Amino acid sequence: LRAPKDLLPYLTNVSEGSVLFIDEIHRVPKSVEEYLY
């Protein structure tokens, strides 16, 4: 997940109550991390 655009497909495809799993989440760049907030 190097840029916010890489995260968008995951977020826009989540269904209600579903799970998004991010492994090695400490490697997410700051710009992507702020998108997660």
PDB file of all heavy atoms in Angstrom:
ATOM      1  N   LEU A   1       0.858  -1.190   0.000  1.00  0.00           N
ATOM      2  CA  LEU A   1       0.000   0.000   0.000  1.00  0.00           C
ATOM      3  C   LEU A   1       0.889   1.234   0.000  1.00  0.00           C
ATOM      4  O   LEU A   1       1.120   1.866   1.025  1.00  0.00           O
ATOM      5  CB  LEU A   1      -0.923  -0.008   1.218  1.00  0.00           C
ATOM      6  CG  LEU A   1      -1.822  -1.245   1.355  1.00  0.00           C
ATOM      7  CD1 LEU A   1      -2.602  -1.191   2.656  1.00  0.00           C
ATOM      8  CD2 LEU A   1      -2.767  -1.356   0.164  1.00  0.00           C
ATOM      9  N   ARG A   2       1.401   1.597  -1.149  1.00  0.00           N
ATOM     10  CA  ARG A   2       2.396   2.665  -1.229  1.00  0.00           C
ATOM     11  C   ARG A   2       1.777   4.051  -1.359  1.00  0.00           C
ATOM     12  O   ARG A   2       2.439   5.052  -1.129  1.00  0.00           O
ATOM     13  CB  ARG A   2       3.331   2.400  -2.414  1.00  0.00           C
ATOM     14  CG  ARG A   2       4.080   1.087  -2.286  1.00  0.00           C
ATOM     15  CD  ARG A   2       5.022   0.871  -3.434  1.00  0.00           C
ATOM     16  NE  ARG A   2       5.750  -0.390  -3.312  1.00  0.00           N
ATOM     17  CZ  ARG A   2       6.646  -0.820  -4.181  1.00  0.00           C
ATOM     18  NH1 ARG A   2       6.924  -0.085  -5.249  1.00  0.00           N
ATOM     19  NH2 ARG A   2       7.263  -1.976  -3.993  1.00  0.00           N
ATOM     20  N   ALA A   3       0.535   4.118  -1.761  1.00  0.00           N
ATOM     21  CA  ALA A   3      -0.139   5.404  -1.939  1.00  0.00           C
ATOM     22  C   ALA A   3      -1.617   5.213  -1.629  1.00  0.00           C
ATOM     23  O   ALA A   3      -2.128   4.082  -1.659  1.00  0.00           O
ATOM     24  CB  ALA A   3       0.049   5.909  -3.379  1.00  0.00           C
ATOM     25  N   PRO A   4      -2.337   6.305  -1.328  1.00  0.00           N
ATOM     26  CA  PRO A   4      -3.773   6.177  -1.023  1.00  0.00           C
ATOM     27  C   PRO A   4      -4.556   5.451  -2.106  1.00  0.00           C
ATOM     28  O   PRO A   4      -5.512   4.735  -1.802  1.00  0.00           O
ATOM     29  CB  PRO A   4      -4.217   7.637  -0.878  1.00  0.00           C
ATOM     30  CG  PRO A   4      -3.001   8.355  -0.398  1.00  0.00           C
ATOM     31  CD  PRO A   4      -1.851   7.690  -1.106  1.00  0.00           C
ATOM     32  N   LYS A   5      -4.157   5.628  -3.362  1.00  0.00           N
ATOM     33  CA  LYS A   5      -4.896   4.977  -4.450  1.00  0.00           C
ATOM     34  C   LYS A   5      -4.841   3.448  -4.334  1.00  0.00           C
ATOM     35  O   LYS A   5      -5.731   2.745  -4.824  1.00  0.00           O
ATOM     36  CB  LYS A   5      -4.355   5.415  -5.802  1.00  0.00           C
ATOM     37  CG  LYS A   5      -2.923   4.972  -6.064  1.00  0.00           C
ATOM     38  CD  LYS A   5      -2.420   5.457  -7.414  1.00  0.00           C
ATOM     39  CE  LYS A   5      -0.995   4.974  -7.680  1.00  0.00           C
ATOM     40  NZ  LYS A   5      -0.479   5.451  -8.973  1.00  0.00           N
ATOM     41  N   ASP A   6      -3.774   2.915  -3.688  1.00  0.00           N
ATOM     42  CA  ASP A   6      -3.674   1.467  -3.517  1.00  0.00           C
ATOM     43  C   ASP A   6      -4.629   0.954  -2.449  1.00  0.00           C
ATOM     44  O   ASP A   6      -4.999  -0.217  -2.448  1.00  0.00           O
ATOM     45  CB  ASP A   6      -2.240   1.073  -3.134  1.00  0.00           C
ATOM     46  CG  ASP A   6      -1.231   1.443  -4.208  1.00  0.00           C
ATOM     47  OD1 ASP A   6      -1.590   1.350  -5.395  1.00  0.00           O
ATOM     48  OD2 ASP A   6      -0.095   1.831  -3.859  1.00  0.00           O
ATOM     49  N   LEU A   7      -5.008   1.841  -1.537  1.00  0.00           N
ATOM     50  CA  LEU A   7      -5.923   1.454  -0.464  1.00  0.00           C
ATOM     51  C   LEU A   7      -7.385   1.578  -0.874  1.00  0.00           C
ATOM     52  O   LEU A   7      -8.243   0.856  -0.363  1.00  0.00           O
ATOM     53  CB  LEU A   7      -5.651   2.330   0.769  1.00  0.00           C
ATOM     54  CG  LEU A   7      -6.479   2.075   2.022  1.00  0.00           C
ATOM     55  CD1 LEU A   7      -6.194   0.678   2.573  1.00  0.00           C
ATOM     56  CD2 LEU A   7      -6.168   3.133   3.084  1.00  0.00           C
ATOM     57  N   LEU A   8      -7.681   2.478  -1.817  1.00  0.00           N
ATOM     58  CA  LEU A   8      -9.067   2.758  -2.197  1.00  0.00           C
ATOM     59  C   LEU A   8      -9.852   1.521  -2.640  1.00  0.00           C
ATOM     60  O   LEU A   8     -11.010   1.352  -2.238  1.00  0.00           O
ATOM     61  CB  LEU A   8      -9.105   3.824  -3.288  1.00  0.00           C
ATOM     62  CG  LEU A   8      -8.861   5.255  -2.815  1.00  0.00           C
ATOM     63  CD1 LEU A   8      -8.791   6.193  -4.002  1.00  0.00           C
ATOM     64  CD2 LEU A   8      -9.956   5.697  -1.852  1.00  0.00           C
ATOM     65  N   PRO A   9      -9.288   0.646  -3.470  1.00  0.00           N
ATOM     66  CA  PRO A   9     -10.085  -0.524  -3.882  1.00  0.00           C
ATOM     67  C   PRO A   9     -10.557  -1.370  -2.709  1.00  0.00           C
ATOM     68  O   PRO A   9     -11.664  -1.907  -2.732  1.00  0.00           O
ATOM     69  CB  PRO A   9      -9.119  -1.308  -4.779  1.00  0.00           C
ATOM     70  CG  PRO A   9      -8.156  -0.290  -5.272  1.00  0.00           C
ATOM     71  CD  PRO A   9      -7.984   0.682  -4.161  1.00  0.00           C
ATOM     72  N   TYR A  10      -9.723  -1.492  -1.685  1.00  0.00           N
ATOM     73  CA  TYR A  10     -10.121  -2.268  -0.516  1.00  0.00           C
ATOM     74  C   TYR A  10     -11.272  -1.590   0.231  1.00  0.00           C
ATOM     75  O   TYR A  10     -12.259  -2.228   0.596  1.00  0.00           O
ATOM     76  CB  TYR A  10      -8.929  -2.428   0.436  1.00  0.00           C
ATOM     77  CG  TYR A  10      -7.799  -3.246  -0.121  1.00  0.00           C
ATOM     78  CD1 TYR A  10      -6.668  -2.642  -0.641  1.00  0.00           C
ATOM     79  CD2 TYR A  10      -7.867  -4.638  -0.129  1.00  0.00           C
ATOM     80  CE1 TYR A  10      -5.628  -3.390  -1.157  1.00  0.00           C
ATOM     81  CE2 TYR A  10      -6.832  -5.401  -0.631  1.00  0.00           C
ATOM     82  CZ  TYR A  10      -5.713  -4.772  -1.145  1.00  0.00           C
ATOM     83  OH  TYR A  10      -4.680  -5.517  -1.661  1.00  0.00           O
ATOM     84  N   LEU A  11     -11.128  -0.282   0.462  1.00  0.00           N
ATOM     85  CA  LEU A  11     -12.128   0.435   1.251  1.00  0.00           C
ATOM     86  C   LEU A  11     -13.465   0.539   0.527  1.00  0.00           C
ATOM     87  O   LEU A  11     -14.525   0.439   1.142  1.00  0.00           O
ATOM     88  CB  LEU A  11     -11.613   1.830   1.596  1.00  0.00           C
ATOM     89  CG  LEU A  11     -10.382   1.877   2.506  1.00  0.00           C
ATOM     90  CD1 LEU A  11      -9.930   3.315   2.725  1.00  0.00           C
ATOM     91  CD2 LEU A  11     -10.670   1.197   3.842  1.00  0.00           C
ATOM     92  N   THR A  12     -13.416   0.746  -0.783  1.00  0.00           N
ATOM     93  CA  THR A  12     -14.675   0.887  -1.529  1.00  0.00           C
ATOM     94  C   THR A  12     -15.376  -0.445  -1.742  1.00  0.00           C
ATOM     95  O   THR A  12     -16.547  -0.468  -2.123  1.00  0.00           O
ATOM     96  CB  THR A  12     -14.419   1.557  -2.888  1.00  0.00           C
ATOM     97  OG1 THR A  12     -13.427   0.814  -3.607  1.00  0.00           O
ATOM     98  CG2 THR A  12     -13.932   2.993  -2.700  1.00  0.00           C
ATOM     99  N   ASN A  13     -14.678  -1.544  -1.497  1.00  0.00           N
ATOM    100  CA  ASN A  13     -15.284  -2.862  -1.684  1.00  0.00           C
ATOM    101  C   ASN A  13     -15.677  -3.537  -0.381  1.00  0.00           C
ATOM    102  O   ASN A  13     -16.150  -4.679  -0.407  1.00  0.00           O
ATOM    103  CB  ASN A  13     -14.331  -3.778  -2.458  1.00  0.00           C
ATOM    104  CG  ASN A  13     -14.359  -3.506  -3.950  1.00  0.00           C
ATOM    105  OD1 ASN A  13     -15.286  -3.887  -4.658  1.00  0.00           O
ATOM    106  ND2 ASN A  13     -13.349  -2.821  -4.435  1.00  0.00           N
ATOM    107  N   VAL A  14     -15.485  -2.866   0.739  1.00  0.00           N
ATOM    108  CA  VAL A  14     -15.898  -3.494   1.992  1.00  0.00           C
ATOM    109  C   VAL A  14     -17.425  -3.562   2.054  1.00  0.00           C
ATOM    110  O   VAL A  14     -18.118  -2.646   1.628  1.00  0.00           O
ATOM    111  CB  VAL A  14     -15.361  -2.715   3.219  1.00  0.00           C
ATOM    112  CG1 VAL A  14     -13.860  -2.791   3.299  1.00  0.00           C
ATOM    113  CG2 VAL A  14     -15.836  -1.275   3.223  1.00  0.00           C
ATOM    114  N   SER A  15     -17.914  -4.664   2.573  1.00  0.00           N
ATOM    115  CA  SER A  15     -19.351  -4.801   2.804  1.00  0.00           C
ATOM    116  C   SER A  15     -19.619  -4.597   4.289  1.00  0.00           C
ATOM    117  O   SER A  15     -18.699  -4.622   5.109  1.00  0.00           O
ATOM    118  CB  SER A  15     -19.836  -6.189   2.358  1.00  0.00           C
ATOM    119  OG  SER A  15     -19.105  -7.208   3.027  1.00  0.00           O
ATOM    120  N   GLU A  16     -20.851  -4.382   4.629  1.00  0.00           N
ATOM    121  CA  GLU A  16     -21.171  -4.073   6.017  1.00  0.00           C
ATOM    122  C   GLU A  16     -20.810  -5.237   6.935  1.00  0.00           C
ATOM    123  O   GLU A  16     -21.204  -6.380   6.708  1.00  0.00           O
ATOM    124  CB  GLU A  16     -22.665  -3.748   6.165  1.00  0.00           C
ATOM    125  CG  GLU A  16     -23.030  -3.268   7.555  1.00  0.00           C
ATOM    126  CD  GLU A  16     -24.374  -2.563   7.589  1.00  0.00           C
ATOM    127  OE1 GLU A  16     -24.979  -2.384   6.512  1.00  0.00           O
ATOM    128  OE2 GLU A  16     -24.804  -2.198   8.689  1.00  0.00           O
ATOM    129  N   GLY A  17     -20.004  -4.924   7.952  1.00  0.00           N
ATOM    130  CA  GLY A  17     -19.586  -5.940   8.909  1.00  0.00           C
ATOM    131  C   GLY A  17     -18.430  -6.797   8.448  1.00  0.00           C
ATOM    132  O   GLY A  17     -17.997  -7.696   9.180  1.00  0.00           O
ATOM    133  N   SER A  18     -17.894  -6.548   7.242  1.00  0.00           N
ATOM    134  CA  SER A  18     -16.796  -7.365   6.741  1.00  0.00           C
ATOM    135  C   SER A  18     -15.474  -6.951   7.382  1.00  0.00           C
ATOM    136  O   SER A  18     -15.404  -5.982   8.138  1.00  0.00           O
ATOM    137  CB  SER A  18     -16.699  -7.263   5.221  1.00  0.00           C
ATOM    138  OG  SER A  18     -16.316  -5.945   4.836  1.00  0.00           O
ATOM    139  N   VAL A  19     -14.420  -7.687   7.063  1.00  0.00           N
ATOM    140  CA  VAL A  19     -13.109  -7.478   7.671  1.00  0.00           C
ATOM    141  C   VAL A  19     -12.091  -7.106   6.602  1.00  0.00           C
ATOM    142  O   VAL A  19     -12.051  -7.703   5.525  1.00  0.00           O
ATOM    143  CB  VAL A  19     -12.644  -8.751   8.410  1.00  0.00           C
ATOM    144  CG1 VAL A  19     -11.185  -8.618   8.865  1.00  0.00           C
ATOM    145  CG2 VAL A  19     -13.543  -9.034   9.603  1.00  0.00           C
ATOM    146  N   LEU A  20     -11.281  -6.100   6.899  1.00  0.00           N
ATOM    147  CA  LEU A  20     -10.123  -5.759   6.073  1.00  0.00           C
ATOM    148  C   LEU A  20      -8.890  -6.061   6.906  1.00  0.00           C
ATOM    149  O   LEU A  20      -8.700  -5.481   7.982  1.00  0.00           O
ATOM    150  CB  LEU A  20     -10.140  -4.288   5.665  1.00  0.00           C
ATOM    151  CG  LEU A  20      -8.864  -3.762   4.988  1.00  0.00           C
ATOM    152  CD1 LEU A  20      -8.543  -4.541   3.716  1.00  0.00           C
ATOM    153  CD2 LEU A  20      -8.980  -2.271   4.688  1.00  0.00           C
ATOM    154  N   PHE A  21      -8.062  -6.978   6.441  1.00  0.00           N
ATOM    155  CA  PHE A  21      -6.864  -7.375   7.166  1.00  0.00           C
ATOM    156  C   PHE A  21      -5.636  -6.795   6.476  1.00  0.00           C
ATOM    157  O   PHE A  21      -5.424  -7.006   5.277  1.00  0.00           O
ATOM    158  CB  PHE A  21      -6.754  -8.903   7.217  1.00  0.00           C
ATOM    159  CG  PHE A  21      -5.447  -9.408   7.775  1.00  0.00           C
ATOM    160  CD1 PHE A  21      -5.033  -9.020   9.033  1.00  0.00           C
ATOM    161  CD2 PHE A  21      -4.649 -10.263   7.041  1.00  0.00           C
ATOM    162  CE1 PHE A  21      -3.821  -9.477   9.566  1.00  0.00           C
ATOM    163  CE2 PHE A  21      -3.450 -10.737   7.552  1.00  0.00           C
ATOM    164  CZ  PHE A  21      -3.039 -10.344   8.818  1.00  0.00           C
ATOM    165  N   ILE A  22      -4.836  -6.045   7.216  1.00  0.00           N
ATOM    166  CA  ILE A  22      -3.585  -5.491   6.689  1.00  0.00           C
ATOM    167  C   ILE A  22      -2.438  -6.103   7.472  1.00  0.00           C
ATOM    168  O   ILE A  22      -2.256  -5.813   8.663  1.00  0.00           O
ATOM    169  CB  ILE A  22      -3.541  -3.955   6.787  1.00  0.00           C
ATOM    170  CG1 ILE A  22      -4.716  -3.340   6.017  1.00  0.00           C
ATOM    171  CG2 ILE A  22      -2.225  -3.427   6.238  1.00  0.00           C
ATOM    172  CD1 ILE A  22      -4.735  -1.815   6.054  1.00  0.00           C
ATOM    173  N   ASP A  23      -1.673  -6.946   6.813  1.00  0.00           N
ATOM    174  CA  ASP A  23      -0.518  -7.570   7.440  1.00  0.00           C
ATOM    175  C   ASP A  23       0.668  -6.611   7.390  1.00  0.00           C
ATOM    176  O   ASP A  23       0.781  -5.793   6.477  1.00  0.00           O
ATOM    177  CB  ASP A  23      -0.182  -8.868   6.698  1.00  0.00           C
ATOM    178  CG  ASP A  23       0.730  -9.757   7.510  1.00  0.00           C
ATOM    179  OD1 ASP A  23       0.916  -9.486   8.709  1.00  0.00           O
ATOM    180  OD2 ASP A  23       1.271 -10.729   6.940  1.00  0.00           O
ATOM    181  N   GLU A  24       1.580  -6.733   8.361  1.00  0.00           N
ATOM    182  CA  GLU A  24       2.737  -5.833   8.466  1.00  0.00           C
ATOM    183  C   GLU A  24       2.285  -4.376   8.347  1.00  0.00           C
ATOM    184  O   GLU A  24       2.811  -3.601   7.550  1.00  0.00           O
ATOM    185  CB  GLU A  24       3.767  -6.181   7.378  1.00  0.00           C
ATOM    186  CG  GLU A  24       4.320  -7.574   7.497  1.00  0.00           C
ATOM    187  CD  GLU A  24       5.027  -7.839   8.816  1.00  0.00           C
ATOM    188  OE1 GLU A  24       5.713  -6.930   9.321  1.00  0.00           O
ATOM    189  OE2 GLU A  24       4.875  -8.937   9.372  1.00  0.00           O
ATOM    190  N   ILE A  25       1.312  -4.027   9.151  1.00  0.00           N
ATOM    191  CA  ILE A  25       0.690  -2.702   9.039  1.00  0.00           C
ATOM    192  C   ILE A  25       1.671  -1.585   9.394  1.00  0.00           C
ATOM    193  O   ILE A  25       1.463  -0.427   9.016  1.00  0.00           O
ATOM    194  CB  ILE A  25      -0.579  -2.636   9.917  1.00  0.00           C
ATOM    195  CG1 ILE A  25      -1.443  -1.429   9.537  1.00  0.00           C
ATOM    196  CG2 ILE A  25      -0.230  -2.660  11.385  1.00  0.00           C
ATOM    197  CD1 ILE A  25      -2.808  -1.424  10.192  1.00  0.00           C
ATOM    198  N   HIS A  26       2.742  -1.913  10.103  1.00  0.00           N
ATOM    199  CA  HIS A  26       3.717  -0.879  10.430  1.00  0.00           C
ATOM    200  C   HIS A  26       4.469  -0.369   9.205  1.00  0.00           C
ATOM    201  O   HIS A  26       5.120   0.665   9.250  1.00  0.00           O
ATOM    202  CB  HIS A  26       4.732  -1.413  11.455  1.00  0.00           C
ATOM    203  CG  HIS A  26       5.574  -2.540  10.949  1.00  0.00           C
ATOM    204  ND1 HIS A  26       5.189  -3.865  11.067  1.00  0.00           N
ATOM    205  CD2 HIS A  26       6.768  -2.553  10.309  1.00  0.00           C
ATOM    206  CE1 HIS A  26       6.112  -4.636  10.532  1.00  0.00           C
ATOM    207  NE2 HIS A  26       7.086  -3.874  10.069  1.00  0.00           N
ATOM    208  N   ARG A  27       4.353  -1.069   8.083  1.00  0.00           N
ATOM    209  CA  ARG A  27       5.025  -0.655   6.858  1.00  0.00           C
ATOM    210  C   ARG A  27       4.164   0.241   5.970  1.00  0.00           C
ATOM    211  O   ARG A  27       4.585   0.649   4.897  1.00  0.00           O
ATOM    212  CB  ARG A  27       5.463  -1.896   6.065  1.00  0.00           C
ATOM    213  CG  ARG A  27       6.426  -2.794   6.827  1.00  0.00           C
ATOM    214  CD  ARG A  27       6.909  -3.951   5.998  1.00  0.00           C
ATOM    215  NE  ARG A  27       7.735  -3.509   4.886  1.00  0.00           N
ATOM    216  CZ  ARG A  27       8.247  -4.331   3.971  1.00  0.00           C
ATOM    217  NH1 ARG A  27       8.012  -5.634   4.051  1.00  0.00           N
ATOM    218  NH2 ARG A  27       8.973  -3.861   2.978  1.00  0.00           N
ATOM    219  N   VAL A  28       2.957   0.544   6.432  1.00  0.00           N
ATOM    220  CA  VAL A  28       2.078   1.445   5.682  1.00  0.00           C
ATOM    221  C   VAL A  28       2.654   2.859   5.733  1.00  0.00           C
ATOM    222  O   VAL A  28       2.964   3.373   6.816  1.00  0.00           O
ATOM    223  CB  VAL A  28       0.655   1.434   6.263  1.00  0.00           C
ATOM    224  CG1 VAL A  28      -0.198   2.523   5.642  1.00  0.00           C
ATOM    225  CG2 VAL A  28       0.012   0.071   6.049  1.00  0.00           C
ATOM    226  N   PRO A  29       2.829   3.542   4.582  1.00  0.00           N
ATOM    227  CA  PRO A  29       3.372   4.908   4.574  1.00  0.00           C
ATOM    228  C   PRO A  29       2.450   5.889   5.296  1.00  0.00           C
ATOM    229  O   PRO A  29       1.257   5.636   5.479  1.00  0.00           O
ATOM    230  CB  PRO A  29       3.474   5.246   3.075  1.00  0.00           C
ATOM    231  CG  PRO A  29       3.413   3.945   2.368  1.00  0.00           C
ATOM    232  CD  PRO A  29       2.592   3.038   3.222  1.00  0.00           C
ATOM    233  N   LYS A  30       3.009   7.015   5.693  1.00  0.00           N
ATOM    234  CA  LYS A  30       2.262   8.022   6.438  1.00  0.00           C
ATOM    235  C   LYS A  30       1.046   8.511   5.666  1.00  0.00           C
ATOM    236  O   LYS A  30      -0.033   8.693   6.232  1.00  0.00           O
ATOM    237  CB  LYS A  30       3.183   9.199   6.759  1.00  0.00           C
ATOM    238  CG  LYS A  30       2.554  10.271   7.644  1.00  0.00           C
ATOM    239  CD  LYS A  30       2.333   9.766   9.056  1.00  0.00           C
ATOM    240  CE  LYS A  30       1.840  10.880   9.966  1.00  0.00           C
ATOM    241  NZ  LYS A  30       1.568  10.396  11.325  1.00  0.00           N
ATOM    242  N   SER A  31       1.192   8.719   4.360  1.00  0.00           N
ATOM    243  CA  SER A  31       0.074   9.230   3.565  1.00  0.00           C
ATOM    244  C   SER A  31      -1.096   8.254   3.543  1.00  0.00           C
ATOM    245  O   SER A  31      -2.262   8.649   3.598  1.00  0.00           O
ATOM    246  CB  SER A  31       0.535   9.517   2.128  1.00  0.00           C
ATOM    247  OG  SER A  31       1.052   8.334   1.515  1.00  0.00           O
ATOM    248  N   VAL A  32      -0.795   6.961   3.490  1.00  0.00           N
ATOM    249  CA  VAL A  32      -1.851   5.947   3.501  1.00  0.00           C
ATOM    250  C   VAL A  32      -2.438   5.821   4.896  1.00  0.00           C
ATOM    251  O   VAL A  32      -3.652   5.666   5.069  1.00  0.00           O
ATOM    252  CB  VAL A  32      -1.290   4.592   3.018  1.00  0.00           C
ATOM    253  CG1 VAL A  32      -2.379   3.509   3.081  1.00  0.00           C
ATOM    254  CG2 VAL A  32      -0.743   4.708   1.605  1.00  0.00           C
ATOM    255  N   GLU A  33      -1.574   5.908   5.884  1.00  0.00           N
ATOM    256  CA  GLU A  33      -2.026   5.813   7.275  1.00  0.00           C
ATOM    257  C   GLU A  33      -3.054   6.897   7.600  1.00  0.00           C
ATOM    258  O   GLU A  33      -4.072   6.632   8.244  1.00  0.00           O
ATOM    259  CB  GLU A  33      -0.815   5.941   8.195  1.00  0.00           C
ATOM    260  CG  GLU A  33      -1.118   5.809   9.653  1.00  0.00           C
ATOM    261  CD  GLU A  33       0.127   5.967  10.497  1.00  0.00           C
ATOM    262  OE1 GLU A  33       1.091   5.209  10.263  1.00  0.00           O
ATOM    263  OE2 GLU A  33       0.148   6.853  11.375  1.00  0.00           O
ATOM    264  N   GLU A  34      -2.806   8.109   7.120  1.00  0.00           N
ATOM    265  CA  GLU A  34      -3.739   9.207   7.389  1.00  0.00           C
ATOM    266  C   GLU A  34      -5.080   8.976   6.711  1.00  0.00           C
ATOM    267  O   GLU A  34      -6.122   9.435   7.186  1.00  0.00           O
ATOM    268  CB  GLU A  34      -3.121  10.531   6.942  1.00  0.00           C
ATOM    269  CG  GLU A  34      -1.936  10.949   7.806  1.00  0.00           C
ATOM    270  CD  GLU A  34      -1.211  12.162   7.270  1.00  0.00           C
ATOM    271  OE1 GLU A  34      -1.461  12.517   6.086  1.00  0.00           O
ATOM    272  OE2 GLU A  34      -0.398  12.742   7.998  1.00  0.00           O
ATOM    273  N   TYR A  35      -5.071   8.264   5.591  1.00  0.00           N
ATOM    274  CA  TYR A  35      -6.317   7.899   4.926  1.00  0.00           C
ATOM    275  C   TYR A  35      -7.139   6.949   5.781  1.00  0.00           C
ATOM    276  O   TYR A  35      -8.372   6.937   5.731  1.00  0.00           O
ATOM    277  CB  TYR A  35      -5.994   7.237   3.580  1.00  0.00           C
ATOM    278  CG  TYR A  35      -6.618   7.934   2.397  1.00  0.00           C
ATOM    279  CD1 TYR A  35      -6.171   9.183   1.995  1.00  0.00           C
ATOM    280  CD2 TYR A  35      -7.655   7.345   1.684  1.00  0.00           C
ATOM    281  CE1 TYR A  35      -6.730   9.823   0.912  1.00  0.00           C
ATOM    282  CE2 TYR A  35      -8.224   7.986   0.599  1.00  0.00           C
ATOM    283  CZ  TYR A  35      -7.757   9.231   0.222  1.00  0.00           C
ATOM    284  OH  TYR A  35      -8.312   9.871  -0.850  1.00  0.00           O
ATOM    285  N   LEU A  36      -6.425   6.127   6.563  1.00  0.00           N
ATOM    286  CA  LEU A  36      -7.114   5.152   7.386  1.00  0.00           C
ATOM    287  C   LEU A  36      -7.836   5.789   8.570  1.00  0.00           C
ATOM    288  O   LEU A  36      -8.809   5.229   9.083  1.00  0.00           O
ATOM    289  CB  LEU A  36      -6.119   4.107   7.916  1.00  0.00           C
ATOM    290  CG  LEU A  36      -5.665   3.015   6.948  1.00  0.00           C
ATOM    291  CD1 LEU A  36      -4.551   2.188   7.566  1.00  0.00           C
ATOM    292  CD2 LEU A  36      -6.840   2.114   6.562  1.00  0.00           C
ATOM    293  N   TYR A  37      -7.364   6.965   9.007  1.00  0.00           N
ATOM    294  CA  TYR A  37      -7.938   7.572  10.203  1.00  0.00           C
ATOM    295  C   TYR A  37      -9.448   7.776  10.080  1.00  0.00           C
ATOM    296  O   TYR A  37     -10.222   7.334  10.917  1.00  0.00           O
ATOM    297  CB  TYR A  37      -7.262   8.912  10.504  1.00  0.00           C
ATOM    298  CG  TYR A  37      -5.808   8.813  10.874  1.00  0.00           C
ATOM    299  CD1 TYR A  37      -4.978   9.933  10.864  1.00  0.00           C
ATOM    300  CD2 TYR A  37      -5.229   7.595  11.238  1.00  0.00           C
ATOM    301  CE1 TYR A  37      -3.636   9.855  11.214  1.00  0.00           C
ATOM    302  CE2 TYR A  37      -3.883   7.501  11.579  1.00  0.00           C
ATOM    303  CZ  TYR A  37      -3.098   8.636  11.567  1.00  0.00           C
ATOM    304  OH  TYR A  37      -1.772   8.557  11.908  1.00  0.00           O
TER     305      TYR A  37
END
